[in-house]
Amino acid sequence: MEFAENEFEGLAINFNGLSEDTDVFKAFPVLTIYPEFKNELPGIDRFKFFKYLSLLYQQNTPLIRIDDFRKRRLEAAKIADFPVNEEGFEEPYGDLIYGKIQKANKQIIRFCRMQRSTDFSEASVYENIFYSELENLLNCTDPAEKKLGMANTETAKKIMQGAITSLLAGDENKRLTADLMDEIETTQLELTPEDIALKLRSGADPLNGFNPYVEKGRT
């Protein structure tokens, strides 16, 4: 699929017109805020990698016109000029594309969180609700309460899965999703009452603007 250059103008992180020797961090200082991005990925060119991320996971990317995520991913790799050989993408780029490099996955997740922070918060909240309801079910003996608990568990699971799909821009790679779930678990450990109070006192929002008590689409 062909894309006109002006289709990329709405991207906050736009690599169009930049040469491959561009210092990514100087071109886009916002990336320096997050330590994950500073980790080297051996054998992977940083410019190509972030161009790939911006095309595949960024909000308003014109590649969203490609409905099939697998084809969209390959198109992003092609535009980012990932090296290829007779068998496909050269390594380690092939491993990167298919979620086999955990350090790369962590950077992908961070990039997605930059774009959709409320989706991450929603996934975290409803993952916690899901397991709380599941635990309650194991100890429940009342048939009516058990039925209600099963419905609540299913609802929490669907909302959590929807938030994860939205966060990762439709990427359903199992390895990437597993690394995201690990990060959600780690983040939940930080959300103790004491940590929340500390963040509130410092003016920070522990849930990045997400309110689990407000329905989507309503204020």
N, C-alpha and C. Protein backbone atom coordinates (compact mmCIF):
# COMPACT_ATOMS: atom_id res chain seq x y z
N MET A 1 0.84 -1.19 0.00
CA MET A 1 0.00 0.00 0.00
C MET A 1 0.88 1.24 0.00
N GLU A 2 0.48 2.21 -0.80
CA GLU A 2 1.25 3.45 -0.91
C GLU A 2 0.66 4.51 0.03
N PHE A 3 1.56 5.33 0.59
CA PHE A 3 1.14 6.41 1.48
C PHE A 3 1.78 7.72 1.02
N ALA A 4 0.97 8.78 1.01
CA ALA A 4 1.50 10.10 0.66
C ALA A 4 2.22 10.68 1.86
N GLU A 5 3.24 11.49 1.60
CA GLU A 5 4.03 12.04 2.71
C GLU A 5 3.19 12.87 3.68
N ASN A 6 2.18 13.58 3.14
CA ASN A 6 1.38 14.43 4.03
C ASN A 6 0.50 13.63 4.99
N GLU A 7 0.37 12.31 4.75
CA GLU A 7 -0.41 11.48 5.66
C GLU A 7 0.30 11.29 7.00
N PHE A 8 1.60 11.52 7.02
CA PHE A 8 2.38 11.33 8.24
C PHE A 8 2.54 12.62 9.04
N GLU A 9 2.04 13.72 8.52
CA GLU A 9 2.28 15.02 9.15
C GLU A 9 1.62 15.16 10.51
N GLY A 10 0.56 14.39 10.75
CA GLY A 10 -0.13 14.48 12.03
C GLY A 10 0.51 13.70 13.15
N LEU A 11 1.58 12.98 12.85
CA LEU A 11 2.25 12.17 13.87
C LEU A 11 3.13 13.03 14.76
N ALA A 12 3.00 12.85 16.06
CA ALA A 12 3.84 13.60 17.00
C ALA A 12 5.31 13.24 16.83
N ILE A 13 5.57 11.97 16.56
CA ILE A 13 6.93 11.50 16.30
C ILE A 13 6.98 11.07 14.85
N ASN A 14 7.47 11.97 14.01
CA ASN A 14 7.43 11.78 12.56
C ASN A 14 8.85 11.69 12.00
N PHE A 15 9.18 10.55 11.43
CA PHE A 15 10.53 10.32 10.92
C PHE A 15 10.67 10.71 9.45
N ASN A 16 9.60 11.10 8.80
CA ASN A 16 9.67 11.48 7.39
C ASN A 16 10.63 12.66 7.20
N GLY A 17 11.52 12.50 6.23
CA GLY A 17 12.47 13.56 5.92
C GLY A 17 13.74 13.51 6.74
N LEU A 18 13.81 12.60 7.72
CA LEU A 18 15.01 12.49 8.55
C LEU A 18 15.94 11.42 7.98
N SER A 19 17.23 11.69 8.02
CA SER A 19 18.21 10.71 7.54
C SER A 19 18.49 9.68 8.62
N GLU A 20 19.00 8.52 8.23
CA GLU A 20 19.21 7.44 9.17
C GLU A 20 20.32 7.70 10.19
N ASP A 21 21.12 8.74 9.95
CA ASP A 21 22.16 9.07 10.93
C ASP A 21 21.66 10.11 11.95
N THR A 22 20.36 10.40 11.91
CA THR A 22 19.77 11.34 12.86
C THR A 22 19.83 10.77 14.28
N ASP A 23 20.20 11.62 15.23
CA ASP A 23 20.16 11.24 16.64
C ASP A 23 18.70 11.27 17.09
N VAL A 24 18.13 10.10 17.34
CA VAL A 24 16.71 9.99 17.68
C VAL A 24 16.36 10.81 18.92
N PHE A 25 17.23 10.80 19.91
CA PHE A 25 16.94 11.49 21.17
C PHE A 25 17.00 13.01 21.01
N LYS A 26 17.83 13.49 20.11
CA LYS A 26 17.88 14.93 19.86
C LYS A 26 16.67 15.37 19.03
N ALA A 27 16.27 14.50 18.10
CA ALA A 27 15.12 14.82 17.25
C ALA A 27 13.81 14.78 18.04
N PHE A 28 13.74 13.86 19.00
CA PHE A 28 12.52 13.68 19.79
C PHE A 28 12.88 13.59 21.27
N PRO A 29 13.12 14.74 21.92
CA PRO A 29 13.57 14.75 23.33
C PRO A 29 12.64 14.03 24.29
N VAL A 30 11.35 13.91 23.94
CA VAL A 30 10.41 13.24 24.84
C VAL A 30 10.84 11.80 25.11
N LEU A 31 11.56 11.20 24.18
CA LEU A 31 11.99 9.81 24.35
C LEU A 31 13.04 9.67 25.45
N THR A 32 13.72 10.76 25.79
CA THR A 32 14.79 10.68 26.80
C THR A 32 14.22 10.59 28.21
N ILE A 33 12.92 10.83 28.35
CA ILE A 33 12.30 10.79 29.68
C ILE A 33 12.29 9.38 30.24
N TYR A 34 12.21 8.39 29.35
CA TYR A 34 11.99 7.02 29.77
C TYR A 34 13.27 6.19 29.66
N PRO A 35 13.74 5.62 30.78
CA PRO A 35 15.01 4.88 30.77
C PRO A 35 14.99 3.65 29.87
N GLU A 36 13.82 3.06 29.65
CA GLU A 36 13.75 1.87 28.80
C GLU A 36 14.34 2.13 27.41
N PHE A 37 14.10 3.34 26.89
CA PHE A 37 14.51 3.65 25.52
C PHE A 37 16.03 3.77 25.38
N LYS A 38 16.72 3.95 26.49
CA LYS A 38 18.16 4.14 26.43
C LYS A 38 18.92 2.81 26.38
N ASN A 39 18.21 1.70 26.58
CA ASN A 39 18.85 0.39 26.52
C ASN A 39 19.17 0.03 25.08
N GLU A 40 20.40 -0.36 24.85
CA GLU A 40 20.82 -0.77 23.51
C GLU A 40 20.19 -2.10 23.14
N LEU A 41 19.83 -2.25 21.87
CA LEU A 41 19.35 -3.52 21.33
C LEU A 41 20.41 -4.00 20.34
N PRO A 42 21.26 -4.93 20.77
CA PRO A 42 22.38 -5.37 19.92
C PRO A 42 21.92 -5.81 18.53
N GLY A 43 22.59 -5.24 17.53
CA GLY A 43 22.30 -5.63 16.14
C GLY A 43 21.13 -4.89 15.52
N ILE A 44 20.47 -4.04 16.30
CA ILE A 44 19.29 -3.31 15.80
C ILE A 44 19.60 -1.82 15.77
N ASP A 45 19.40 -1.22 14.62
CA ASP A 45 19.64 0.21 14.46
C ASP A 45 18.55 1.00 15.18
N ARG A 46 18.96 1.92 16.04
CA ARG A 46 17.99 2.65 16.87
C ARG A 46 17.03 3.49 16.01
N PHE A 47 17.55 4.12 14.97
CA PHE A 47 16.70 4.94 14.10
C PHE A 47 15.63 4.08 13.44
N LYS A 48 16.03 2.94 12.87
CA LYS A 48 15.06 2.04 12.23
C LYS A 48 14.02 1.54 13.24
N PHE A 49 14.49 1.22 14.43
CA PHE A 49 13.60 0.68 15.46
C PHE A 49 12.52 1.68 15.84
N PHE A 50 12.92 2.92 16.13
CA PHE A 50 11.93 3.91 16.55
C PHE A 50 11.05 4.37 15.40
N LYS A 51 11.57 4.33 14.20
CA LYS A 51 10.72 4.63 13.05
C LYS A 51 9.63 3.56 12.93
N TYR A 52 10.03 2.32 13.13
CA TYR A 52 9.09 1.19 13.11
C TYR A 52 8.02 1.37 14.20
N LEU A 53 8.44 1.72 15.41
CA LEU A 53 7.49 1.93 16.50
C LEU A 53 6.51 3.05 16.16
N SER A 54 7.04 4.13 15.63
CA SER A 54 6.18 5.28 15.35
C SER A 54 5.15 4.96 14.28
N LEU A 55 5.50 4.12 13.33
CA LEU A 55 4.59 3.76 12.25
C LEU A 55 3.55 2.73 12.68
N LEU A 56 3.94 1.83 13.56
CA LEU A 56 3.07 0.71 13.91
C LEU A 56 2.18 1.00 15.12
N TYR A 57 2.70 1.68 16.13
CA TYR A 57 2.00 1.81 17.39
C TYR A 57 1.51 3.22 17.71
N GLN A 58 1.94 4.20 16.95
CA GLN A 58 1.59 5.57 17.28
C GLN A 58 0.12 5.87 16.92
N GLN A 59 -0.50 6.69 17.75
CA GLN A 59 -1.85 7.12 17.44
C GLN A 59 -1.84 7.92 16.14
N ASN A 60 -2.89 7.78 15.37
CA ASN A 60 -3.07 8.49 14.10
C ASN A 60 -2.12 8.04 13.00
N THR A 61 -1.45 6.91 13.17
CA THR A 61 -0.60 6.43 12.10
C THR A 61 -1.45 6.11 10.87
N PRO A 62 -1.03 6.53 9.69
CA PRO A 62 -1.80 6.22 8.48
C PRO A 62 -1.85 4.72 8.18
N LEU A 63 -0.94 3.95 8.77
CA LEU A 63 -0.93 2.51 8.52
C LEU A 63 -2.15 1.81 9.10
N ILE A 64 -2.92 2.54 9.92
CA ILE A 64 -4.13 1.96 10.50
C ILE A 64 -5.12 1.59 9.40
N ARG A 65 -4.92 2.14 8.21
CA ARG A 65 -5.79 1.80 7.08
C ARG A 65 -5.64 0.33 6.68
N ILE A 66 -4.53 -0.29 7.09
CA ILE A 66 -4.33 -1.71 6.82
C ILE A 66 -4.99 -2.49 7.95
N ASP A 67 -6.12 -3.11 7.67
CA ASP A 67 -6.91 -3.77 8.72
C ASP A 67 -6.19 -4.93 9.38
N ASP A 68 -5.50 -5.74 8.61
CA ASP A 68 -4.82 -6.92 9.14
C ASP A 68 -3.53 -6.47 9.84
N PHE A 69 -3.46 -6.70 11.17
CA PHE A 69 -2.29 -6.21 11.91
C PHE A 69 -1.00 -6.83 11.40
N ARG A 70 -1.02 -8.10 11.01
CA ARG A 70 0.20 -8.75 10.53
C ARG A 70 0.73 -8.06 9.28
N LYS A 71 -0.17 -7.68 8.38
CA LYS A 71 0.25 -6.97 7.17
C LYS A 71 0.70 -5.55 7.52
N ARG A 72 0.03 -4.94 8.50
CA ARG A 72 0.42 -3.60 8.94
C ARG A 72 1.83 -3.63 9.52
N ARG A 73 2.13 -4.67 10.29
CA ARG A 73 3.46 -4.81 10.91
C ARG A 73 4.54 -4.96 9.84
N LEU A 74 4.26 -5.76 8.83
CA LEU A 74 5.23 -5.95 7.75
C LEU A 74 5.44 -4.67 6.96
N GLU A 75 4.37 -3.91 6.77
CA GLU A 75 4.48 -2.63 6.05
C GLU A 75 5.32 -1.64 6.84
N ALA A 76 5.13 -1.62 8.18
CA ALA A 76 5.93 -0.74 9.02
C ALA A 76 7.41 -1.11 8.95
N ALA A 77 7.70 -2.41 8.96
CA ALA A 77 9.08 -2.88 8.87
C ALA A 77 9.69 -2.51 7.51
N LYS A 78 8.87 -2.59 6.48
CA LYS A 78 9.34 -2.25 5.14
C LYS A 78 9.67 -0.76 5.04
N ILE A 79 8.75 0.09 5.53
CA ILE A 79 8.98 1.54 5.47
C ILE A 79 10.18 1.92 6.34
N ALA A 80 10.34 1.23 7.47
CA ALA A 80 11.47 1.52 8.36
C ALA A 80 12.78 0.96 7.82
N ASP A 81 12.70 0.26 6.69
CA ASP A 81 13.87 -0.27 6.00
C ASP A 81 14.62 -1.33 6.81
N PHE A 82 13.85 -2.25 7.42
CA PHE A 82 14.49 -3.38 8.08
C PHE A 82 15.19 -4.23 7.02
N PRO A 83 16.43 -4.66 7.29
CA PRO A 83 17.17 -5.44 6.29
C PRO A 83 16.55 -6.82 6.07
N VAL A 84 16.57 -7.24 4.81
CA VAL A 84 15.99 -8.53 4.43
C VAL A 84 17.01 -9.37 3.67
N ASN A 85 16.76 -10.68 3.65
CA ASN A 85 17.54 -11.59 2.82
C ASN A 85 16.56 -12.54 2.13
N GLU A 86 17.08 -13.61 1.54
CA GLU A 86 16.22 -14.53 0.79
C GLU A 86 15.17 -15.21 1.66
N GLU A 87 15.44 -15.33 2.93
CA GLU A 87 14.54 -16.05 3.83
C GLU A 87 13.57 -15.12 4.56
N GLY A 88 13.73 -13.82 4.40
CA GLY A 88 12.86 -12.87 5.09
C GLY A 88 13.68 -11.78 5.75
N PHE A 89 13.25 -11.35 6.91
CA PHE A 89 14.00 -10.30 7.62
C PHE A 89 15.24 -10.89 8.27
N GLU A 90 16.34 -10.14 8.15
CA GLU A 90 17.58 -10.57 8.79
C GLU A 90 17.41 -10.54 10.31
N GLU A 91 18.18 -11.39 10.96
CA GLU A 91 18.17 -11.37 12.43
C GLU A 91 19.14 -10.29 12.91
N PRO A 92 18.83 -9.63 14.02
CA PRO A 92 17.75 -9.93 14.96
C PRO A 92 16.42 -9.25 14.65
N TYR A 93 16.29 -8.64 13.46
CA TYR A 93 15.06 -7.91 13.14
C TYR A 93 13.85 -8.84 13.08
N GLY A 94 14.04 -10.07 12.59
CA GLY A 94 12.95 -11.03 12.57
C GLY A 94 12.46 -11.35 13.97
N ASP A 95 13.41 -11.54 14.89
CA ASP A 95 13.04 -11.81 16.29
C ASP A 95 12.33 -10.61 16.90
N LEU A 96 12.77 -9.40 16.55
CA LEU A 96 12.14 -8.19 17.04
C LEU A 96 10.67 -8.14 16.61
N ILE A 97 10.42 -8.39 15.35
CA ILE A 97 9.07 -8.31 14.80
C ILE A 97 8.12 -9.29 15.48
N TYR A 98 8.64 -10.46 15.81
CA TYR A 98 7.78 -11.49 16.37
C TYR A 98 7.85 -11.60 17.89
N GLY A 99 8.33 -10.52 18.52
CA GLY A 99 8.24 -10.41 19.98
C GLY A 99 9.19 -11.30 20.75
N LYS A 100 10.30 -11.70 20.14
CA LYS A 100 11.21 -12.63 20.80
C LYS A 100 12.32 -11.96 21.59
N ILE A 101 12.37 -10.62 21.55
CA ILE A 101 13.42 -9.89 22.26
C ILE A 101 12.78 -9.10 23.39
N GLN A 102 12.97 -9.55 24.62
CA GLN A 102 12.26 -8.96 25.76
C GLN A 102 12.62 -7.49 25.95
N LYS A 103 13.89 -7.12 25.77
CA LYS A 103 14.28 -5.72 25.94
C LYS A 103 13.55 -4.83 24.93
N ALA A 104 13.37 -5.35 23.72
CA ALA A 104 12.63 -4.61 22.70
C ALA A 104 11.16 -4.53 23.08
N ASN A 105 10.62 -5.62 23.61
CA ASN A 105 9.21 -5.62 24.03
C ASN A 105 8.95 -4.56 25.10
N LYS A 106 9.88 -4.42 26.02
CA LYS A 106 9.72 -3.43 27.08
C LYS A 106 9.68 -2.01 26.50
N GLN A 107 10.46 -1.78 25.45
CA GLN A 107 10.45 -0.47 24.82
C GLN A 107 9.17 -0.26 24.02
N ILE A 108 8.68 -1.32 23.38
CA ILE A 108 7.41 -1.24 22.66
C ILE A 108 6.29 -0.91 23.63
N ILE A 109 6.27 -1.59 24.79
CA ILE A 109 5.23 -1.37 25.79
C ILE A 109 5.29 0.06 26.31
N ARG A 110 6.49 0.54 26.58
CA ARG A 110 6.63 1.92 27.06
C ARG A 110 6.13 2.90 26.00
N PHE A 111 6.45 2.64 24.74
CA PHE A 111 6.00 3.53 23.66
C PHE A 111 4.47 3.53 23.60
N CYS A 112 3.87 2.36 23.74
CA CYS A 112 2.41 2.26 23.73
C CYS A 112 1.80 2.97 24.93
N ARG A 113 2.46 2.87 26.07
CA ARG A 113 1.97 3.56 27.27
C ARG A 113 2.04 5.08 27.09
N MET A 114 3.03 5.55 26.36
CA MET A 114 3.13 6.97 26.04
C MET A 114 1.90 7.43 25.27
N GLN A 115 1.43 6.56 24.38
CA GLN A 115 0.32 6.90 23.50
C GLN A 115 -1.03 6.75 24.20
N ARG A 116 -1.14 5.73 25.05
CA ARG A 116 -2.45 5.36 25.58
C ARG A 116 -2.33 5.02 27.07
N SER A 117 -1.97 5.99 27.90
CA SER A 117 -1.70 5.72 29.32
C SER A 117 -2.96 5.25 30.05
N THR A 118 -4.14 5.76 29.68
CA THR A 118 -5.35 5.35 30.38
C THR A 118 -5.70 3.90 30.09
N ASP A 119 -5.35 3.40 28.90
CA ASP A 119 -5.57 1.99 28.60
C ASP A 119 -4.75 1.10 29.54
N PHE A 120 -3.52 1.52 29.81
CA PHE A 120 -2.67 0.75 30.73
C PHE A 120 -3.28 0.74 32.13
N SER A 121 -3.74 1.91 32.58
CA SER A 121 -4.35 1.99 33.90
C SER A 121 -5.61 1.14 33.97
N GLU A 122 -6.41 1.18 32.92
CA GLU A 122 -7.63 0.40 32.90
C GLU A 122 -7.33 -1.10 32.94
N ALA A 123 -6.34 -1.53 32.15
CA ALA A 123 -5.95 -2.94 32.15
C ALA A 123 -5.48 -3.36 33.54
N SER A 124 -4.72 -2.49 34.19
CA SER A 124 -4.20 -2.79 35.52
C SER A 124 -5.32 -2.91 36.54
N VAL A 125 -6.24 -1.97 36.52
CA VAL A 125 -7.36 -1.97 37.48
C VAL A 125 -8.23 -3.20 37.30
N TYR A 126 -8.58 -3.51 36.04
CA TYR A 126 -9.51 -4.62 35.81
C TYR A 126 -8.83 -5.98 35.93
N GLU A 127 -7.51 -6.03 35.75
CA GLU A 127 -6.79 -7.27 36.04
C GLU A 127 -6.88 -7.59 37.52
N ASN A 128 -6.76 -6.54 38.34
CA ASN A 128 -6.88 -6.70 39.79
C ASN A 128 -8.30 -7.11 40.18
N ILE A 129 -9.29 -6.47 39.55
CA ILE A 129 -10.69 -6.82 39.82
C ILE A 129 -10.97 -8.27 39.42
N PHE A 130 -10.44 -8.67 38.27
CA PHE A 130 -10.65 -10.03 37.77
C PHE A 130 -10.19 -11.08 38.78
N TYR A 131 -8.95 -10.90 39.29
CA TYR A 131 -8.41 -11.90 40.22
C TYR A 131 -9.08 -11.81 41.59
N SER A 132 -9.52 -10.63 41.98
CA SER A 132 -10.26 -10.50 43.25
C SER A 132 -11.58 -11.24 43.17
N GLU A 133 -12.29 -11.07 42.04
CA GLU A 133 -13.57 -11.77 41.86
C GLU A 133 -13.35 -13.28 41.78
N LEU A 134 -12.25 -13.67 41.14
CA LEU A 134 -11.95 -15.09 41.01
C LEU A 134 -11.69 -15.71 42.38
N GLU A 135 -10.97 -14.99 43.20
CA GLU A 135 -10.69 -15.47 44.57
C GLU A 135 -11.97 -15.59 45.37
N ASN A 136 -12.87 -14.60 45.22
CA ASN A 136 -14.15 -14.65 45.91
C ASN A 136 -14.98 -15.86 45.48
N LEU A 137 -14.90 -16.20 44.19
CA LEU A 137 -15.65 -17.34 43.66
C LEU A 137 -15.23 -18.64 44.32
N LEU A 138 -13.93 -18.77 44.57
CA LEU A 138 -13.41 -20.00 45.16
C LEU A 138 -13.96 -20.24 46.56
N ASN A 139 -14.32 -19.15 47.24
CA ASN A 139 -14.82 -19.26 48.61
C ASN A 139 -16.33 -19.10 48.71
N CYS A 140 -16.98 -18.99 47.55
CA CYS A 140 -18.42 -18.71 47.55
C CYS A 140 -19.22 -20.02 47.51
N THR A 141 -20.25 -20.09 48.33
CA THR A 141 -21.12 -21.27 48.35
C THR A 141 -22.56 -20.93 47.96
N ASP A 142 -22.93 -19.66 48.05
CA ASP A 142 -24.28 -19.25 47.70
C ASP A 142 -24.45 -19.23 46.18
N PRO A 143 -25.41 -19.98 45.60
CA PRO A 143 -25.59 -20.07 44.14
C PRO A 143 -25.82 -18.71 43.47
N ALA A 144 -26.62 -17.85 44.10
CA ALA A 144 -26.92 -16.54 43.52
C ALA A 144 -25.67 -15.66 43.49
N GLU A 145 -24.94 -15.68 44.61
CA GLU A 145 -23.71 -14.88 44.67
C GLU A 145 -22.66 -15.42 43.70
N LYS A 146 -22.62 -16.75 43.56
CA LYS A 146 -21.67 -17.36 42.65
C LYS A 146 -21.96 -16.97 41.20
N LYS A 147 -23.25 -16.94 40.86
CA LYS A 147 -23.65 -16.54 39.51
C LYS A 147 -23.25 -15.10 39.24
N LEU A 148 -23.50 -14.23 40.22
CA LEU A 148 -23.12 -12.82 40.08
C LEU A 148 -21.60 -12.67 39.98
N GLY A 149 -20.88 -13.44 40.80
CA GLY A 149 -19.42 -13.39 40.76
C GLY A 149 -18.86 -13.83 39.42
N MET A 150 -19.45 -14.85 38.82
CA MET A 150 -19.01 -15.33 37.51
C MET A 150 -19.23 -14.26 36.44
N ALA A 151 -20.39 -13.57 36.55
CA ALA A 151 -20.68 -12.50 35.59
C ALA A 151 -19.69 -11.35 35.76
N ASN A 152 -19.38 -10.99 37.01
CA ASN A 152 -18.42 -9.92 37.27
C ASN A 152 -17.03 -10.28 36.77
N THR A 153 -16.65 -11.55 36.96
CA THR A 153 -15.34 -12.01 36.49
C THR A 153 -15.24 -11.91 34.98
N GLU A 154 -16.29 -12.34 34.30
CA GLU A 154 -16.29 -12.30 32.83
C GLU A 154 -16.25 -10.86 32.32
N THR A 155 -16.99 -9.98 32.98
CA THR A 155 -16.99 -8.57 32.58
C THR A 155 -15.61 -7.95 32.76
N ALA A 156 -15.00 -8.21 33.92
CA ALA A 156 -13.66 -7.67 34.18
C ALA A 156 -12.65 -8.19 33.17
N LYS A 157 -12.76 -9.47 32.82
CA LYS A 157 -11.84 -10.07 31.85
C LYS A 157 -11.98 -9.42 30.48
N LYS A 158 -13.22 -9.20 30.04
CA LYS A 158 -13.46 -8.58 28.73
C LYS A 158 -12.93 -7.16 28.68
N ILE A 159 -13.17 -6.39 29.75
CA ILE A 159 -12.69 -5.01 29.78
C ILE A 159 -11.16 -4.99 29.79
N MET A 160 -10.56 -5.87 30.58
CA MET A 160 -9.10 -5.95 30.65
C MET A 160 -8.52 -6.30 29.28
N GLN A 161 -9.08 -7.30 28.62
CA GLN A 161 -8.58 -7.72 27.31
C GLN A 161 -8.77 -6.62 26.27
N GLY A 162 -9.89 -5.91 26.36
CA GLY A 162 -10.12 -4.81 25.43
C GLY A 162 -9.11 -3.69 25.62
N ALA A 163 -8.78 -3.40 26.87
CA ALA A 163 -7.80 -2.36 27.17
C ALA A 163 -6.41 -2.76 26.67
N ILE A 164 -6.07 -4.03 26.81
CA ILE A 164 -4.77 -4.53 26.35
C ILE A 164 -4.68 -4.44 24.83
N THR A 165 -5.74 -4.84 24.13
CA THR A 165 -5.76 -4.77 22.67
C THR A 165 -5.62 -3.33 22.20
N SER A 166 -6.34 -2.43 22.87
CA SER A 166 -6.26 -1.01 22.52
C SER A 166 -4.87 -0.45 22.80
N LEU A 167 -4.31 -0.80 23.95
CA LEU A 167 -2.99 -0.31 24.34
C LEU A 167 -1.93 -0.70 23.33
N LEU A 168 -1.99 -1.95 22.87
CA LEU A 168 -0.97 -2.46 21.94
C LEU A 168 -1.36 -2.25 20.48
N ALA A 169 -2.34 -1.39 20.25
CA ALA A 169 -2.75 -1.01 18.90
C ALA A 169 -3.14 -2.21 18.04
N GLY A 170 -3.71 -3.23 18.68
CA GLY A 170 -4.17 -4.40 17.94
C GLY A 170 -3.16 -5.52 17.84
N ASP A 171 -1.96 -5.32 18.38
CA ASP A 171 -0.93 -6.36 18.35
C ASP A 171 -1.27 -7.44 19.37
N GLU A 172 -1.51 -8.65 18.88
CA GLU A 172 -1.89 -9.76 19.76
C GLU A 172 -0.78 -10.78 19.94
N ASN A 173 0.46 -10.35 19.68
CA ASN A 173 1.60 -11.25 19.87
C ASN A 173 1.64 -11.75 21.31
N LYS A 174 1.70 -13.06 21.49
CA LYS A 174 1.60 -13.65 22.83
C LYS A 174 2.79 -13.28 23.71
N ARG A 175 3.98 -13.21 23.14
CA ARG A 175 5.16 -12.87 23.94
C ARG A 175 5.07 -11.41 24.41
N LEU A 176 4.67 -10.53 23.51
CA LEU A 176 4.54 -9.12 23.87
C LEU A 176 3.45 -8.94 24.94
N THR A 177 2.34 -9.64 24.77
CA THR A 177 1.25 -9.56 25.75
C THR A 177 1.69 -10.07 27.11
N ALA A 178 2.47 -11.17 27.11
CA ALA A 178 2.97 -11.73 28.37
C ALA A 178 3.89 -10.73 29.07
N ASP A 179 4.74 -10.05 28.31
CA ASP A 179 5.63 -9.04 28.91
C ASP A 179 4.82 -7.85 29.43
N LEU A 180 3.74 -7.51 28.73
CA LEU A 180 2.87 -6.44 29.21
C LEU A 180 2.21 -6.83 30.53
N MET A 181 1.74 -8.07 30.63
CA MET A 181 1.10 -8.52 31.86
C MET A 181 2.09 -8.51 33.02
N ASP A 182 3.35 -8.87 32.74
CA ASP A 182 4.38 -8.80 33.78
C ASP A 182 4.55 -7.36 34.27
N GLU A 183 4.51 -6.41 33.32
CA GLU A 183 4.68 -5.01 33.69
C GLU A 183 3.48 -4.51 34.48
N ILE A 184 2.30 -4.97 34.12
CA ILE A 184 1.10 -4.60 34.87
C ILE A 184 1.21 -5.10 36.30
N GLU A 185 1.67 -6.36 36.47
CA GLU A 185 1.84 -6.93 37.81
C GLU A 185 2.85 -6.11 38.61
N THR A 186 3.95 -5.73 37.97
CA THR A 186 4.98 -4.94 38.66
C THR A 186 4.44 -3.59 39.06
N THR A 187 3.66 -2.97 38.17
CA THR A 187 3.09 -1.65 38.47
C THR A 187 2.11 -1.73 39.61
N GLN A 188 1.33 -2.81 39.67
CA GLN A 188 0.37 -2.97 40.76
C GLN A 188 1.07 -3.06 42.11
N LEU A 189 2.25 -3.63 42.14
CA LEU A 189 2.99 -3.72 43.40
C LEU A 189 3.39 -2.34 43.90
N GLU A 190 3.49 -1.38 42.95
CA GLU A 190 3.84 -0.01 43.33
C GLU A 190 2.63 0.77 43.84
N LEU A 191 1.43 0.27 43.54
CA LEU A 191 0.22 1.00 43.90
C LEU A 191 -0.30 0.62 45.28
N THR A 192 0.58 0.62 46.27
CA THR A 192 0.14 0.43 47.65
C THR A 192 -0.51 1.74 48.11
N PRO A 193 -1.33 1.68 49.16
CA PRO A 193 -1.94 2.93 49.65
C PRO A 193 -0.91 4.00 49.96
N GLU A 194 0.25 3.58 50.50
CA GLU A 194 1.29 4.55 50.85
C GLU A 194 1.85 5.22 49.60
N ASP A 195 2.05 4.40 48.52
CA ASP A 195 2.59 4.96 47.28
C ASP A 195 1.59 5.92 46.64
N ILE A 196 0.31 5.54 46.69
CA ILE A 196 -0.72 6.40 46.11
C ILE A 196 -0.76 7.73 46.85
N ALA A 197 -0.70 7.67 48.17
CA ALA A 197 -0.72 8.89 48.97
C ALA A 197 0.49 9.76 48.66
N LEU A 198 1.66 9.12 48.51
CA LEU A 198 2.87 9.86 48.20
C LEU A 198 2.76 10.56 46.86
N LYS A 199 2.21 9.82 45.85
CA LYS A 199 2.07 10.41 44.52
C LYS A 199 1.07 11.57 44.54
N LEU A 200 -0.01 11.42 45.31
CA LEU A 200 -0.99 12.49 45.40
C LEU A 200 -0.40 13.73 46.05
N ARG A 201 0.41 13.53 47.09
CA ARG A 201 1.03 14.67 47.78
C ARG A 201 2.00 15.40 46.86
N SER A 202 2.63 14.65 45.95
CA SER A 202 3.58 15.27 45.03
C SER A 202 2.90 15.88 43.81
N GLY A 203 1.57 15.72 43.73
CA GLY A 203 0.84 16.28 42.59
C GLY A 203 0.69 15.33 41.43
N ALA A 204 1.21 14.10 41.57
CA ALA A 204 1.12 13.12 40.49
C ALA A 204 -0.21 12.37 40.57
N ASP A 205 -0.63 11.82 39.43
CA ASP A 205 -1.86 11.04 39.37
C ASP A 205 -1.49 9.56 39.31
N PRO A 206 -1.77 8.79 40.37
CA PRO A 206 -1.37 7.38 40.40
C PRO A 206 -1.97 6.55 39.28
N LEU A 207 -3.15 6.96 38.78
CA LEU A 207 -3.82 6.18 37.73
C LEU A 207 -3.78 6.87 36.38
N ASN A 208 -2.93 7.88 36.22
CA ASN A 208 -2.76 8.55 34.93
C ASN A 208 -4.07 9.00 34.32
N GLY A 209 -4.97 9.53 35.14
CA GLY A 209 -6.21 10.08 34.63
C GLY A 209 -7.35 9.09 34.52
N PHE A 210 -7.09 7.81 34.79
CA PHE A 210 -8.16 6.81 34.65
C PHE A 210 -9.00 6.73 35.92
N ASN A 211 -10.31 6.66 35.74
CA ASN A 211 -11.24 6.51 36.86
C ASN A 211 -12.10 5.30 36.60
N PRO A 212 -11.93 4.20 37.35
CA PRO A 212 -12.68 2.99 37.09
C PRO A 212 -14.16 3.12 37.42
N TYR A 213 -14.56 4.20 38.07
CA TYR A 213 -15.95 4.37 38.45
C TYR A 213 -16.73 5.21 37.43
N VAL A 214 -16.07 5.62 36.36
CA VAL A 214 -16.74 6.39 35.31
C VAL A 214 -16.81 5.56 34.06
N GLU A 215 -17.99 5.41 33.49
CA GLU A 215 -18.15 4.60 32.29
C GLU A 215 -17.47 5.27 31.13
N LYS A 216 -17.00 4.43 30.19
CA LYS A 216 -16.35 4.97 29.00
C LYS A 216 -17.35 5.83 28.23
N GLY A 217 -16.86 6.95 27.71
CA GLY A 217 -17.70 7.78 26.90
C GLY A 217 -18.57 8.74 27.69
N ARG A 218 -18.45 8.70 29.07
CA ARG A 218 -19.24 9.59 29.90
C ARG A 218 -18.34 10.40 30.80
N THR A 219 -18.77 11.61 31.13
CA THR A 219 -17.98 12.47 32.00
C THR A 219 -18.63 12.60 33.35
